Protein backbone atom coordinates (compact mmCIF):
# COMPACT_ATOMS: atom_id res chain seq x y z
CA MET A 1 0.00 0.00 0.00
CA THR A 2 1.07 3.60 -0.56
CA GLN A 3 1.87 5.38 2.71
CA THR A 4 1.22 9.06 3.42
CA PRO A 5 3.50 10.00 6.32
CA ASP A 6 1.97 11.50 9.44
CA SER A 7 3.88 14.74 9.91
CA ALA A 8 3.06 14.91 13.61
CA VAL A 9 4.57 11.47 14.15
CA LEU A 10 7.73 12.36 12.23
CA LEU A 11 8.14 15.68 14.05
CA SER A 12 7.82 13.82 17.35
CA LEU A 13 10.57 11.43 16.20
CA LEU A 14 12.88 14.36 15.54
CA ASP A 15 12.30 15.60 19.10
CA ARG A 16 13.06 12.17 20.59
CA ALA A 17 16.10 11.61 18.37
CA THR A 18 18.12 14.12 20.37
CA ASP A 19 18.34 11.55 23.18
CA VAL A 20 19.53 8.51 21.19
CA ARG A 21 22.87 7.07 20.08
CA VAL A 22 23.49 5.09 16.90
CA LEU A 23 26.55 2.87 16.34
CA CYS A 24 28.03 3.05 12.84
CA VAL A 25 30.67 0.60 11.64
CA GLY A 26 32.13 0.56 8.13
CA ASP A 27 34.41 2.07 5.54
CA VAL A 28 35.38 5.70 5.94
CA MET A 29 36.78 7.94 3.23
CA LEU A 30 37.76 11.52 2.71
CA ASP A 31 35.53 13.35 0.23
CA ARG A 32 37.22 16.25 -1.51
CA PHE A 33 35.23 18.75 -3.54
CA ILE A 34 37.10 21.00 -5.94
CA SER A 35 34.65 23.49 -7.39
CA GLY A 36 34.73 26.45 -9.71
CA SER A 37 33.48 27.67 -13.06
CA VAL A 38 33.82 26.39 -16.61
CA ASP A 39 33.75 28.81 -19.52
CA ARG A 40 35.92 27.16 -22.17
CA ILE A 41 37.22 23.88 -23.56
CA SER A 42 40.88 22.93 -23.35
CA PRO A 43 42.87 23.40 -26.60
CA GLU A 44 44.88 20.30 -25.62
CA ALA A 45 41.95 17.86 -25.52
CA PRO A 46 38.12 18.02 -25.77
CA VAL A 47 37.68 18.51 -22.02
CA PRO A 48 36.38 21.48 -19.99
CA ILE A 49 38.81 23.72 -18.14
CA LEU A 50 37.77 24.15 -14.51
CA ARG A 51 38.74 27.48 -13.00
CA VAL A 52 39.18 26.39 -9.36
CA GLU A 53 37.51 28.72 -6.87
CA ASP A 54 37.04 26.59 -3.78
CA GLU A 55 38.09 23.31 -2.19
CA ALA A 56 36.34 21.53 0.66
CA HIS A 57 36.95 18.32 2.60
CA MET A 58 34.13 16.25 4.09
CA LEU A 59 33.64 12.87 5.72
CA GLY A 60 32.51 10.16 3.31
CA GLY A 61 31.28 6.58 3.64
CA VAL A 62 30.42 5.72 7.22
CA GLY A 63 31.61 9.22 8.13
CA ASN A 64 28.82 10.72 6.04
CA VAL A 65 26.27 8.44 7.70
CA ALA A 66 27.51 9.78 11.05
CA ARG A 67 27.31 13.39 9.79
CA ASN A 68 23.68 12.87 8.84
CA ILE A 69 22.83 11.26 12.17
CA ALA A 70 24.40 14.20 14.01
CA ALA A 71 22.59 16.69 11.73
CA ILE A 72 19.24 15.17 12.72
CA GLY A 73 20.19 15.73 16.36
CA ALA A 74 21.14 12.23 17.49
CA THR A 75 24.64 11.11 18.51
CA ALA A 76 26.67 8.82 16.24
CA GLU A 77 29.37 6.51 17.53
CA VAL A 78 31.71 5.47 14.72
CA VAL A 79 34.08 2.52 14.61
CA THR A 80 36.31 2.42 11.53
CA VAL A 81 39.87 2.05 10.23
CA VAL A 82 42.11 4.74 8.71
CA GLY A 83 45.56 4.61 7.24
CA ASP A 84 48.63 6.10 8.89
CA ASP A 85 48.72 8.92 6.35
CA PRO A 86 47.77 12.62 5.91
CA ALA A 87 44.27 11.73 4.71
CA GLY A 88 43.76 9.66 7.85
CA SER A 89 44.76 12.68 9.94
CA ASP A 90 42.28 14.81 7.98
CA VAL A 91 39.52 12.29 8.67
CA ALA A 92 40.34 12.30 12.39
CA GLY A 93 40.22 16.10 12.44
CA LEU A 94 36.82 16.19 10.70
CA PHE A 95 35.38 13.73 13.21
CA LYS A 96 36.78 15.78 16.08
CA ASP A 97 35.20 18.97 14.69
CA ASN A 98 31.69 17.47 14.84
CA PRO A 99 30.35 17.44 18.43
CA GLY A 100 27.58 15.01 17.47
CA ILE A 101 30.05 12.23 16.61
CA ASP A 102 32.15 10.04 18.89
CA ALA A 103 34.76 8.36 16.68
CA HIS A 104 36.83 5.29 17.55
CA LEU A 105 39.51 5.21 14.85
CA ILE A 106 41.83 2.26 14.41
CA ALA A 107 45.05 3.18 12.61
CA ASP A 108 46.45 0.55 10.23
CA SER A 109 49.83 1.39 8.68
CA GLU A 110 49.29 -1.27 6.00
CA ARG A 111 46.20 0.52 4.60
CA ARG A 112 45.70 3.71 2.67
CA THR A 113 42.87 6.06 3.65
CA ALA A 114 40.42 6.22 0.74
CA ILE A 115 40.04 9.60 -0.97
CA LYS A 116 37.31 10.52 -3.45
CA THR A 117 37.92 13.78 -5.26
CA ARG A 118 35.00 15.35 -7.14
CA TYR A 119 35.50 18.21 -9.60
CA ILE A 120 32.42 20.42 -9.88
CA GLY A 121 31.69 23.15 -12.42
CA GLY A 122 28.79 25.25 -11.15
CA THR A 123 26.36 22.60 -9.90
CA GLN A 124 27.52 19.91 -12.34
CA GLN A 125 29.94 17.17 -11.33
CA LEU A 126 32.56 16.88 -14.08
CA LEU A 127 34.83 14.11 -12.83
CA ARG A 128 35.53 11.88 -9.84
CA ALA A 129 39.03 10.60 -9.06
CA ASP A 130 39.49 7.82 -6.46
CA ARG A 131 42.64 6.97 -4.51
CA GLU A 132 42.31 3.80 -2.50
CA SER A 133 43.75 0.37 -1.87
CA PRO A 134 40.81 -1.81 -0.81
CA SER A 135 41.92 -4.94 0.98
CA VAL A 136 40.64 -7.15 3.78
CA LEU A 137 41.68 -6.02 7.25
CA SER A 138 44.47 -7.75 9.10
CA ASP A 139 43.33 -10.13 11.82
CA MET A 140 44.52 -7.65 14.45
CA SER A 141 42.58 -4.71 13.00
CA ALA A 142 39.47 -6.87 12.54
CA ALA A 143 39.63 -7.94 16.19
CA LYS A 144 39.95 -4.31 17.28
CA ILE A 145 36.90 -3.36 15.20
CA VAL A 146 34.76 -6.06 16.79
CA ALA A 147 36.00 -5.25 20.32
CA ALA A 148 35.33 -1.52 19.96
CA ALA A 149 31.88 -2.14 18.48
CA LYS A 150 30.95 -4.60 21.22
CA LYS A 151 31.82 -2.00 23.86
CA ALA A 152 29.87 0.76 22.07
CA MET A 153 26.75 -1.41 21.70
CA LYS A 154 26.14 -1.01 25.43
CA ARG A 155 25.41 2.68 24.80
CA CYS A 156 23.62 2.52 21.43
CA ALA A 157 20.10 1.66 20.28
CA VAL A 158 20.79 0.72 16.64
CA LEU A 159 23.75 -0.69 14.70
CA VAL A 160 24.46 0.54 11.15
CA LEU A 161 26.85 -1.39 8.89
CA SER A 162 28.01 0.90 6.09
CA ASP A 163 29.62 -1.37 3.50
CA TYR A 164 31.50 0.39 0.72
CA GLY A 165 33.56 -2.67 -0.21
CA LYS A 166 36.85 -1.16 1.01
CA GLY A 167 37.70 -4.05 3.33
CA VAL A 168 36.59 -2.95 6.79
CA LEU A 169 33.45 -5.11 6.72
CA SER A 170 34.68 -8.57 5.78
CA PRO A 171 32.13 -11.41 5.91
CA ALA A 172 33.65 -12.59 9.19
CA VAL A 173 33.44 -9.14 10.82
CA ILE A 174 29.86 -8.63 9.57
CA GLY A 175 28.81 -12.00 10.95
CA GLU A 176 30.33 -11.30 14.37
CA LEU A 177 28.75 -7.84 14.59
CA ILE A 178 25.28 -9.03 13.61
CA ASP A 179 25.53 -11.87 16.12
CA LEU A 180 26.61 -9.47 18.88
CA ALA A 181 23.79 -7.05 18.04
CA ARG A 182 21.20 -9.80 18.13
CA LYS A 183 22.39 -10.93 21.55
CA ALA A 184 22.22 -7.30 22.73
CA GLY A 185 18.72 -6.84 21.30
CA ILE A 186 19.90 -4.07 18.94
CA PRO A 187 18.40 -3.84 15.42
CA VAL A 188 20.87 -3.93 12.52
CA ILE A 189 20.60 -1.79 9.39
CA VAL A 190 22.92 -2.54 6.45
CA ASP A 191 23.82 -0.29 3.55
CA PRO A 192 24.95 -3.13 1.25
CA LYS A 193 27.59 -3.50 -1.45
CA GLY A 194 27.86 -6.07 -4.24
CA ARG A 195 25.72 -9.06 -5.15
CA ASP A 196 26.43 -11.38 -2.23
CA PHE A 197 23.80 -10.49 0.34
CA TRP A 198 24.42 -13.76 2.20
CA ARG A 199 27.05 -11.76 4.10
CA TYR A 200 24.24 -9.83 5.79
CA GLN A 201 22.26 -12.83 7.05
CA GLY A 202 20.25 -11.98 10.11
CA ALA A 203 20.17 -8.20 9.56
CA ASP A 204 16.90 -6.44 10.33
CA VAL A 205 16.91 -4.16 7.27
CA VAL A 206 19.11 -3.83 4.18
CA THR A 207 18.81 -0.75 1.96
CA PRO A 208 19.76 -1.46 -1.67
CA ASN A 209 18.91 0.94 -4.45
CA ARG A 210 17.07 -0.35 -7.50
CA ARG A 211 20.28 -1.18 -9.42
CA GLU A 212 21.83 -2.98 -6.45
CA LEU A 213 18.65 -5.00 -6.00
CA ALA A 214 18.66 -6.04 -9.66
CA GLU A 215 22.30 -7.16 -9.41
CA ALA A 216 21.61 -9.13 -6.24
CA VAL A 217 18.58 -11.04 -7.56
CA GLY A 218 19.72 -11.35 -11.19
CA HIS A 219 16.62 -9.95 -12.87
CA PRO A 220 15.26 -6.48 -13.82
CA THR A 221 13.63 -4.35 -11.13
CA ASN A 222 11.94 -1.70 -13.24
CA ALA A 223 8.30 -2.46 -12.48
CA GLU A 224 6.89 -2.16 -8.98
CA SER A 225 6.02 -5.86 -8.94
CA GLU A 226 9.60 -6.78 -9.90
CA ILE A 227 10.95 -4.69 -7.02
CA VAL A 228 8.62 -6.39 -4.53
CA ASP A 229 9.42 -9.86 -5.86
CA GLY A 230 13.17 -9.14 -5.73
CA ALA A 231 12.97 -7.86 -2.16
CA LYS A 232 10.99 -10.92 -1.05
CA SER A 233 13.63 -13.19 -2.62
CA LEU A 234 16.41 -11.43 -0.70
CA ILE A 235 14.49 -11.76 2.56
CA ILE A 236 13.87 -15.48 2.13
CA ASP A 237 17.35 -16.36 0.86
CA ASN A 238 19.25 -14.36 3.49
CA ASP A 239 17.08 -14.46 6.64
CA LEU A 240 16.46 -10.71 6.58
CA GLY A 241 13.84 -8.83 8.56
CA ALA A 242 13.02 -6.38 5.75
CA VAL A 243 14.35 -4.75 2.59
CA LEU A 244 14.03 -0.99 1.97
CA VAL A 245 14.54 -0.33 -1.74
CA THR A 246 15.43 3.25 -2.64
CA ARG A 247 13.94 4.16 -6.02
CA SER A 248 15.32 7.63 -6.76
CA GLN A 249 12.51 9.89 -8.04
CA ASP A 250 9.95 7.14 -7.35
CA GLY A 251 10.53 7.15 -3.59
CA MET A 252 11.02 3.94 -1.61
CA THR A 253 9.48 0.52 -1.11
CA LEU A 254 9.64 -1.29 2.24
CA VAL A 255 9.03 -5.06 2.12
CA SER A 256 8.97 -7.04 5.38
CA ALA A 257 9.54 -10.70 6.15
CA GLU A 258 5.87 -10.85 7.20
CA GLY A 259 4.90 -9.96 3.62
CA THR A 260 3.75 -6.37 4.13
CA VAL A 261 4.60 -3.93 1.34
CA ASP A 262 4.67 -0.15 1.84
CA HIS A 263 5.38 2.34 -0.93
CA LEU A 264 6.60 5.82 0.00
CA GLN A 265 6.31 8.47 -2.69
CA ALA A 266 9.15 10.94 -3.13
CA GLU A 267 8.39 14.61 -2.71
CA ALA A 268 8.99 16.37 -6.03
CA ARG A 269 12.31 18.20 -5.86
CA GLU A 270 14.98 19.29 -8.30
CA VAL A 271 17.89 16.84 -8.09
CA PHE A 272 21.32 18.48 -8.06
CA ASP A 273 23.56 15.72 -6.69
CA VAL A 274 22.86 12.17 -5.50
CA SER A 275 26.27 11.86 -3.80
CA GLY A 276 25.74 10.34 -0.37
CA ALA A 277 21.95 10.14 -0.66
CA GLY A 278 22.07 6.50 0.44
CA ASP A 279 23.97 7.56 3.56
CA THR A 280 21.20 10.05 4.37
CA VAL A 281 18.58 7.31 4.03
CA VAL A 282 20.43 4.95 6.37
CA ALA A 283 21.11 7.71 8.91
CA ALA A 284 17.50 8.89 9.12
CA LEU A 285 16.20 5.31 9.18
CA ALA A 286 18.54 4.48 12.06
CA ALA A 287 17.82 7.67 14.03
CA GLY A 288 14.07 7.17 13.62
CA ARG A 289 14.24 3.55 14.73
CA ALA A 290 16.47 4.44 17.68
CA ALA A 291 13.87 7.05 18.70
CA GLY A 292 11.21 4.33 18.88
CA ALA A 293 9.64 4.49 15.42
CA SER A 294 8.15 1.56 13.54
CA TRP A 295 10.13 0.61 10.44
CA VAL A 296 7.44 2.23 8.28
CA ASP A 297 7.62 5.56 10.11
CA ALA A 298 11.43 5.43 10.19
CA ALA A 299 11.42 4.82 6.42
CA ALA A 300 9.04 7.78 5.95
CA LEU A 301 11.50 10.00 7.84
CA ALA A 302 14.34 8.67 5.66
CA ASN A 303 12.31 9.39 2.53
CA VAL A 304 11.86 13.04 3.50
CA ALA A 305 15.54 13.40 4.43
CA ALA A 306 16.70 11.87 1.14
CA GLY A 307 14.60 14.33 -0.84
CA ILE A 308 16.36 17.17 0.95
CA ALA A 309 19.86 15.76 0.45
CA VAL A 310 19.61 15.30 -3.33
CA ALA A 311 18.50 18.92 -3.71
CA LYS A 312 21.90 20.05 -2.36
CA VAL A 313 25.34 19.87 -3.95
CA GLY A 314 27.97 17.44 -2.66
CA THR A 315 27.68 14.84 0.10
CA ALA A 316 25.13 17.05 1.81
CA VAL A 317 23.21 16.30 5.00
CA ALA A 318 19.56 16.81 5.90
CA PHE A 319 19.43 18.91 9.06
CA ALA A 320 16.54 18.61 11.51
CA ASP A 321 15.37 22.12 10.55
CA ASP A 322 15.35 21.08 6.87
CA ILE A 323 13.14 18.12 7.69
CA VAL A 324 10.76 20.21 9.82
CA GLN A 325 10.38 22.70 6.97
CA ALA A 326 9.76 19.91 4.46
CA LEU A 327 7.11 18.32 6.68
CA HIS A 328 5.30 21.62 7.10
CA HIS A 329 5.44 22.04 3.31
CA GLN A 330 3.85 18.61 2.85
CA ASP A 331 1.11 19.53 5.31
CA ARG A 332 0.41 22.72 3.36
CA GLU A 333 0.21 20.75 0.11
CA ARG A 334 -2.16 18.16 1.59
CA SER A 335 -4.38 20.81 3.20
CA GLY A 336 -4.78 22.83 -0.01
CA ALA A 337 -2.04 25.28 0.91
CA LYS A 338 -4.06 26.79 3.74
CA VAL A 339 -1.05 27.12 6.08
CA LEU A 340 0.86 30.19 4.91
CA GLY A 341 3.63 32.51 5.93
CA LEU A 342 2.68 36.12 6.55
CA GLU A 343 3.98 37.45 3.23
CA GLN A 344 2.19 34.70 1.29
CA LEU A 345 -0.97 35.41 3.24
CA LYS A 346 -0.81 39.15 2.54
CA ASP A 347 -0.69 38.35 -1.19
CA ARG A 348 -3.70 36.07 -0.86
CA VAL A 349 -5.65 38.69 1.11
CA SER A 350 -4.98 41.17 -1.69
CA VAL A 351 -6.47 38.72 -4.20
CA TRP A 352 -9.52 38.18 -2.01
CA ARG A 353 -10.07 41.91 -1.62
CA ARG A 354 -9.77 42.51 -5.35
CA GLY A 355 -12.62 40.00 -5.66
CA GLY A 356 -14.75 42.00 -3.25
CA LYS A 357 -14.42 39.56 -0.34
CA LYS A 358 -14.62 40.59 3.31
CA VAL A 359 -11.76 39.12 5.34
CA GLY A 360 -12.23 37.93 8.91
CA PHE A 361 -9.65 37.06 11.55
CA THR A 362 -9.68 35.08 14.79
CA ASN A 363 -6.94 33.45 16.80
CA GLY A 364 -6.21 30.86 19.45
CA CYS A 365 -4.28 27.76 20.47
CA PHE A 366 -6.92 25.27 19.21
CA ASP A 367 -5.32 22.40 21.12
CA LEU A 368 -7.56 19.28 21.07
CA LEU A 369 -10.23 20.77 18.80
CA HIS A 370 -13.69 20.43 20.39
CA PRO A 371 -17.29 21.42 19.52
CA GLY A 372 -16.83 24.84 21.10
CA HIS A 373 -13.97 25.58 18.72
CA VAL A 374 -15.97 24.34 15.74
CA SER A 375 -18.92 26.55 16.69
CA LEU A 376 -16.75 29.64 17.14
CA LEU A 377 -15.09 29.12 13.77
CA ALA A 378 -18.42 28.56 12.05
CA GLN A 379 -19.80 31.80 13.54
CA ALA A 380 -16.64 33.65 12.53
CA ARG A 381 -16.90 32.39 8.95
CA ALA A 382 -20.56 33.41 8.81
CA ALA A 383 -19.51 37.00 9.60
CA CYS A 384 -17.15 37.28 6.61
CA ASP A 385 -16.33 35.81 3.19
CA ARG A 386 -12.86 34.49 3.99
CA LEU A 387 -11.65 33.51 7.47
CA ILE A 388 -8.01 33.61 8.64
CA VAL A 389 -7.01 31.80 11.82
CA GLY A 390 -3.96 33.05 13.72
CA LEU A 391 -2.57 29.92 15.41
CA ASN A 392 -0.28 30.11 18.42
CA SER A 393 3.02 28.31 17.80
CA ASP A 394 4.11 25.54 20.16
CA SER A 395 6.44 27.91 22.03
CA SER A 396 3.75 30.52 22.58
CA VAL A 397 1.25 27.88 23.77
CA ARG A 398 3.79 26.73 26.36
CA ALA A 399 4.26 30.33 27.48
CA LEU A 400 0.48 30.78 27.85
CA LYS A 401 -0.55 27.37 29.17
CA GLY A 402 2.56 26.00 30.86
CA GLU A 403 4.70 22.89 30.38
CA GLY A 404 2.88 19.88 28.96
CA ARG A 405 1.01 22.02 26.47
CA PRO A 406 0.21 21.91 23.67
CA VAL A 407 -0.97 18.32 23.61
CA GLN A 408 -0.74 18.41 19.82
CA ASN A 409 2.11 20.20 18.06
CA GLU A 410 1.61 23.06 15.63
CA ALA A 411 1.77 20.80 12.55
CA SER A 412 -1.05 18.61 13.92
CA ARG A 413 -3.16 21.58 15.01
CA SER A 414 -2.67 23.25 11.62
CA ALA A 415 -3.68 20.08 9.77
CA VAL A 416 -6.88 19.70 11.82
CA LEU A 417 -7.88 23.34 11.34
CA ALA A 418 -7.10 23.15 7.62
CA SER A 419 -9.57 20.27 7.27
CA LEU A 420 -12.46 22.54 8.32
CA GLY A 421 -14.50 24.19 5.59
CA SER A 422 -14.98 27.27 7.76
CA VAL A 423 -11.23 28.01 7.69
CA ASP A 424 -9.68 29.57 4.58
CA ALA A 425 -6.12 30.27 5.79
CA ILE A 426 -3.91 29.65 8.80
CA VAL A 427 -0.90 31.65 9.91
CA LEU A 428 1.36 30.75 12.85
CA PHE A 429 2.57 33.36 15.32
CA SER A 430 4.95 33.18 18.28
CA ASP A 431 4.29 36.52 19.97
CA GLU A 432 2.21 36.84 23.13
CA THR A 433 -0.66 38.34 21.11
CA PRO A 434 -1.57 38.48 17.38
CA ILE A 435 -1.42 42.27 17.33
CA GLU A 436 1.29 42.37 14.62
CA LEU A 437 -0.72 40.00 12.41
CA ILE A 438 -3.78 42.21 12.79
CA ARG A 439 -1.78 45.32 11.86
CA ALA A 440 -0.32 43.55 8.80
CA LEU A 441 -3.52 41.91 7.52
CA LYS A 442 -6.05 44.64 8.41
CA PRO A 443 -9.05 42.28 8.66
CA ASP A 444 -12.53 43.66 7.98
CA VAL A 445 -13.95 41.56 10.82
CA LEU A 446 -12.23 40.57 14.08
CA VAL A 447 -13.85 37.65 15.95
CA LYS A 448 -13.41 36.40 19.52
CA GLY A 449 -15.58 34.51 21.99
CA ALA A 450 -18.28 36.20 24.09
CA ASP A 451 -16.15 35.73 27.22
CA TYR A 452 -14.40 38.90 25.99
CA THR A 453 -15.77 42.40 25.68
CA VAL A 454 -15.16 44.50 22.59
CA GLU A 455 -12.72 46.65 24.57
CA THR A 456 -10.66 43.67 25.77
CA VAL A 457 -10.25 41.98 22.37
CA VAL A 458 -6.63 42.43 21.26
CA GLY A 459 -6.56 44.65 18.17
CA SER A 460 -10.14 45.86 18.45
CA ASP A 461 -9.04 49.50 18.58
CA ILE A 462 -7.06 49.06 15.35
CA VAL A 463 -9.89 47.33 13.46
CA LEU A 464 -12.57 49.75 14.68
CA GLY A 465 -10.25 52.66 13.87
CA TYR A 466 -10.26 51.97 10.13
CA GLY A 467 -13.97 51.13 9.99
CA GLY A 468 -13.94 47.38 10.59
CA ARG A 469 -16.09 45.58 13.12
CA VAL A 470 -15.62 43.27 16.09
CA VAL A 471 -17.85 40.21 16.51
CA LEU A 472 -18.23 38.31 19.80
CA ALA A 473 -19.22 34.70 19.06
CA ASP A 474 -21.53 32.75 21.34
CA LEU A 475 -19.78 30.07 23.40
CA GLU A 476 -20.81 26.42 23.66
CA ASP A 477 -21.14 25.50 27.33
CA GLY A 478 -19.22 22.55 28.76
CA HIS A 479 -16.35 22.48 26.30
CA SER A 480 -12.75 23.38 27.05
CA THR A 481 -9.39 21.83 26.26
CA THR A 482 -8.18 22.28 29.83
CA GLY A 483 -11.25 20.49 31.14
CA THR A 484 -10.84 17.66 28.66
CA ILE A 485 -7.21 17.15 29.70
CA ALA A 486 -8.20 17.18 33.37
CA ARG A 487 -10.88 14.53 32.79
CA MET A 488 -8.42 12.38 30.85
CA SER A 489 -5.95 12.51 33.73
CA GLY A 490 -8.63 11.80 36.34
CA GLU A 491 -8.47 15.26 37.85
CA LYS A 492 -11.31 17.67 38.54
CA PRO A 493 -11.58 20.23 35.74
């Protein structure tokens, strides 16, 4: 079935993710980005000449998974191997500079730290040059990896295995880590490499893209049915808990060992760079699961994060604020774009007024919408042609009502209000009163409940001053959010 993510659930996951730790084990590399402009072709060969303007170093591989976990707000513990070389020192410095990552680096003088150098002209990647010497770890380094991971599992809620085929995750190491995680009751997520998924036997989720799935099962995975059949084959053949197939612009498909199939549609975005998008998926999936999400909700969070990452250049991360903004955008789309910023709303009010419509305004917290709210909004809408609701943000509700409020966050409250036919637009505000909104929007009608007087309604003097009117709506007896909460908790309202 096709899943529509519940924004309130995903926002709650982001809040809880700040208290979780995720263990990441795998191949690390140094990502170098050399960027500039291209305005001519070389006279020596038919290749573009890049005028270098900037150079940046970032963590790649398991390091990029950790960056994404930290960006969401969780803590990443990383266990990996670096070479005894300048690139290894650079990697160590980048880990140290990120306060959301605790890195346990094992130096191996027999290995070379992998470097991927990308040359970018404008927003277009022109060339990638790799320096690496992939080889299986020595027995000593492998033992150190397992020992460090075993110790870190005591502090972490999820284990991520980031396999880039550079030698850190040999079949023996993978098997030991999965076995240790199972004994510790920790779910295992694998970002796989190659065709041999038998190496990941016993993992809870593996996350191949469509091409990787096709290579692993040996048949095309273009149609939706082919993807589902391929994922089911992997699950049966390799004792997996689930397969999450990333499908680029088509979103994701989650297939479980129990036979459930969930399709997650991608949000339409312009794709600039897919570098590291798989790392973003694994990171968000792991952080969501560590925060207590079901696999479906964790996958929904990963789907939103991936859409953000591919819209940026380079091995970019999806920050928590990016995800919050994207979720609010989805809510606006699903609610007919009723939730607007002030500038957008001012434009819409201008359109309404050009059409001869009278604009009304009311405001409130609207936490746990009840019949009294519905009646007030219906009366307000009857007094005008278009009704705007000023909705207190979560922070302003807490300031007014105290800790523990609101019961529902601003995304949930906005979505419920937007579903009402009496409401034409919603605008959030964080101030103590909506006075600035009233000044900016200049409503023709200002509506509050009859427990106010005209003189005590915030903004009444402004509205009456330019010829508008104030309406006091009748109240429905016996309905209040505070009373409802008290009854639910067994207290006297």
